[in-house]
Structures are given as C-alpha cells and as structure tokens.
Amino acid sequence: MRFIILSEEEKNHLEYLHKASLNSVVRKRCLSLLYSNQERSIKEVSELVNVSRRSLERLLMHGHQ
C-alpha cells in the first residue's frame, strides 16, 4: 500500500488550506492528503471524506506523478 509522505511545511500548508478555503473540493483534497500521510488506507480515507475510492485513487496518483 502506498501513502503520501508530507514534509512538515506541506502538512502545515494543507492544514491551512483545509481551514481557510471556501472551495469544498480543495478542502476534501487537502483532508485526503493529510489522512494518507497518516497511513490510512484508500478505503478508509474515501469513507472519511465521502468520495469514491476511484476518485481518491486518481487524486493520489495524479499528485504522486
């Protein structure tokens, strides 16, 4: 299983965006990346942020490239 590994600076920026953004899509993406950094499974993250597993896989793979 792959996880996103974030630096402290990246985590802080994502946490800020999650709190400050008015865009719900941006907030979900930030939260998804933060959960992945906590080594949560794709299934678990998709349930927590209420998106399909496939959508989450695309998000994480696109960000990984």
C-alpha atoms as a PDB file:
ATOM      1  CA  MET A   1       0.000   0.000   0.000  1.00  0.00           C
ATOM      2  CA  ARG A   2       1.259   3.494  -0.863  1.00  0.00           C
ATOM      3  CA  PHE A   3       0.871   6.567   1.264  1.00  0.00           C
ATOM      4  CA  ILE A   4       1.616  10.203   0.660  1.00  0.00           C
ATOM      5  CA  ILE A   5       4.577  11.350   2.721  1.00  0.00           C
ATOM      6  CA  LEU A   6       4.465  15.045   3.517  1.00  0.00           C
ATOM      7  CA  SER A   7       7.047  17.374   4.951  1.00  0.00           C
ATOM      8  CA  GLU A   8       6.109  19.459   7.977  1.00  0.00           C
ATOM      9  CA  GLU A   9       5.812  22.516   5.734  1.00  0.00           C
ATOM     10  CA  GLU A  10       3.468  20.674   3.347  1.00  0.00           C
ATOM     11  CA  LYS A  11       1.320  19.459   6.240  1.00  0.00           C
ATOM     12  CA  ASN A  12       1.052  22.971   7.638  1.00  0.00           C
ATOM     13  CA  HIS A  13       0.094  24.380   4.240  1.00  0.00           C
ATOM     14  CA  LEU A  14      -2.570  21.698   3.676  1.00  0.00           C
ATOM     15  CA  GLU A  15      -3.987  22.254   7.166  1.00  0.00           C
ATOM     16  CA  TYR A  16      -4.181  25.980   6.469  1.00  0.00           C
ATOM     17  CA  LEU A  17      -5.893  25.432   3.099  1.00  0.00           C
ATOM     18  CA  HIS A  18      -8.330  22.974   4.661  1.00  0.00           C
ATOM     19  CA  LYS A  19      -9.381  25.583   7.222  1.00  0.00           C
ATOM     20  CA  ALA A  20      -9.253  28.691   5.023  1.00  0.00           C
ATOM     21  CA  SER A  21     -10.513  27.582   1.612  1.00  0.00           C
ATOM     22  CA  LEU A  22     -14.064  28.369   0.608  1.00  0.00           C
ATOM     23  CA  ASN A  23     -13.909  25.641  -2.038  1.00  0.00           C
ATOM     24  CA  SER A  24     -15.216  22.311  -0.731  1.00  0.00           C
ATOM     25  CA  VAL A  25     -13.260  20.344  -3.359  1.00  0.00           C
ATOM     26  CA  VAL A  26      -9.992  21.905  -2.197  1.00  0.00           C
ATOM     27  CA  ARG A  27     -10.861  21.132   1.430  1.00  0.00           C
ATOM     28  CA  LYS A  28     -11.603  17.474   0.591  1.00  0.00           C
ATOM     29  CA  ARG A  29      -8.351  17.124  -1.358  1.00  0.00           C
ATOM     30  CA  CYS A  30      -6.347  18.619   1.497  1.00  0.00           C
ATOM     31  CA  LEU A  31      -8.011  16.353   4.024  1.00  0.00           C
ATOM     32  CA  SER A  32      -7.440  13.309   1.806  1.00  0.00           C
ATOM     33  CA  LEU A  33      -3.730  14.047   1.532  1.00  0.00           C
ATOM     34  CA  LEU A  34      -3.440  14.627   5.278  1.00  0.00           C
ATOM     35  CA  TYR A  35      -5.203  11.326   6.024  1.00  0.00           C
ATOM     36  CA  SER A  36      -2.974   9.495   3.558  1.00  0.00           C
ATOM     37  CA  ASN A  37       0.042  10.953   5.317  1.00  0.00           C
ATOM     38  CA  GLN A  38      -1.298   9.291   8.492  1.00  0.00           C
ATOM     39  CA  GLU A  39      -1.003   5.939   6.646  1.00  0.00           C
ATOM     40  CA  ARG A  40      -4.740   5.380   6.391  1.00  0.00           C
ATOM     41  CA  SER A  41      -5.961   3.059   3.652  1.00  0.00           C
ATOM     42  CA  ILE A  42      -7.605   4.383   0.495  1.00  0.00           C
ATOM     43  CA  LYS A  43     -10.856   2.746   1.557  1.00  0.00           C
ATOM     44  CA  GLU A  44     -10.739   4.398   4.959  1.00  0.00           C
ATOM     45  CA  VAL A  45      -9.875   7.835   3.535  1.00  0.00           C
ATOM     46  CA  SER A  46     -12.596   7.594   0.890  1.00  0.00           C
ATOM     47  CA  GLU A  47     -15.157   6.864   3.621  1.00  0.00           C
ATOM     48  CA  LEU A  48     -13.882   9.689   5.836  1.00  0.00           C
ATOM     49  CA  VAL A  49     -14.043  12.347   3.112  1.00  0.00           C
ATOM     50  CA  ASN A  50     -17.113  10.875   1.402  1.00  0.00           C
ATOM     51  CA  VAL A  51     -15.661  10.378  -2.088  1.00  0.00           C
ATOM     52  CA  SER A  52     -15.480   7.263  -4.214  1.00  0.00           C
ATOM     53  CA  ARG A  53     -12.435   5.058  -3.938  1.00  0.00           C
ATOM     54  CA  ARG A  54     -11.716   5.576  -7.650  1.00  0.00           C
ATOM     55  CA  SER A  55     -11.817   9.372  -7.315  1.00  0.00           C
ATOM     56  CA  LEU A  56      -9.422   9.188  -4.403  1.00  0.00           C
ATOM     57  CA  GLU A  57      -7.073   6.870  -6.289  1.00  0.00           C
ATOM     58  CA  ARG A  58      -6.959   9.351  -9.188  1.00  0.00           C
ATOM     59  CA  LEU A  59      -6.252  12.215  -6.817  1.00  0.00           C
ATOM     60  CA  LEU A  60      -3.434  10.396  -5.060  1.00  0.00           C
ATOM     61  CA  MET A  61      -1.856   9.039  -8.244  1.00  0.00           C
ATOM     62  CA  HIS A  62      -2.063  12.403 -10.016  1.00  0.00           C
ATOM     63  CA  GLY A  63      -0.404  14.103  -7.067  1.00  0.00           C
ATOM     64  CA  HIS A  64       2.273  11.400  -6.968  1.00  0.00           C
ATOM     65  CA  GLN A  65       3.418  11.909 -10.588  1.00  0.00           C
END
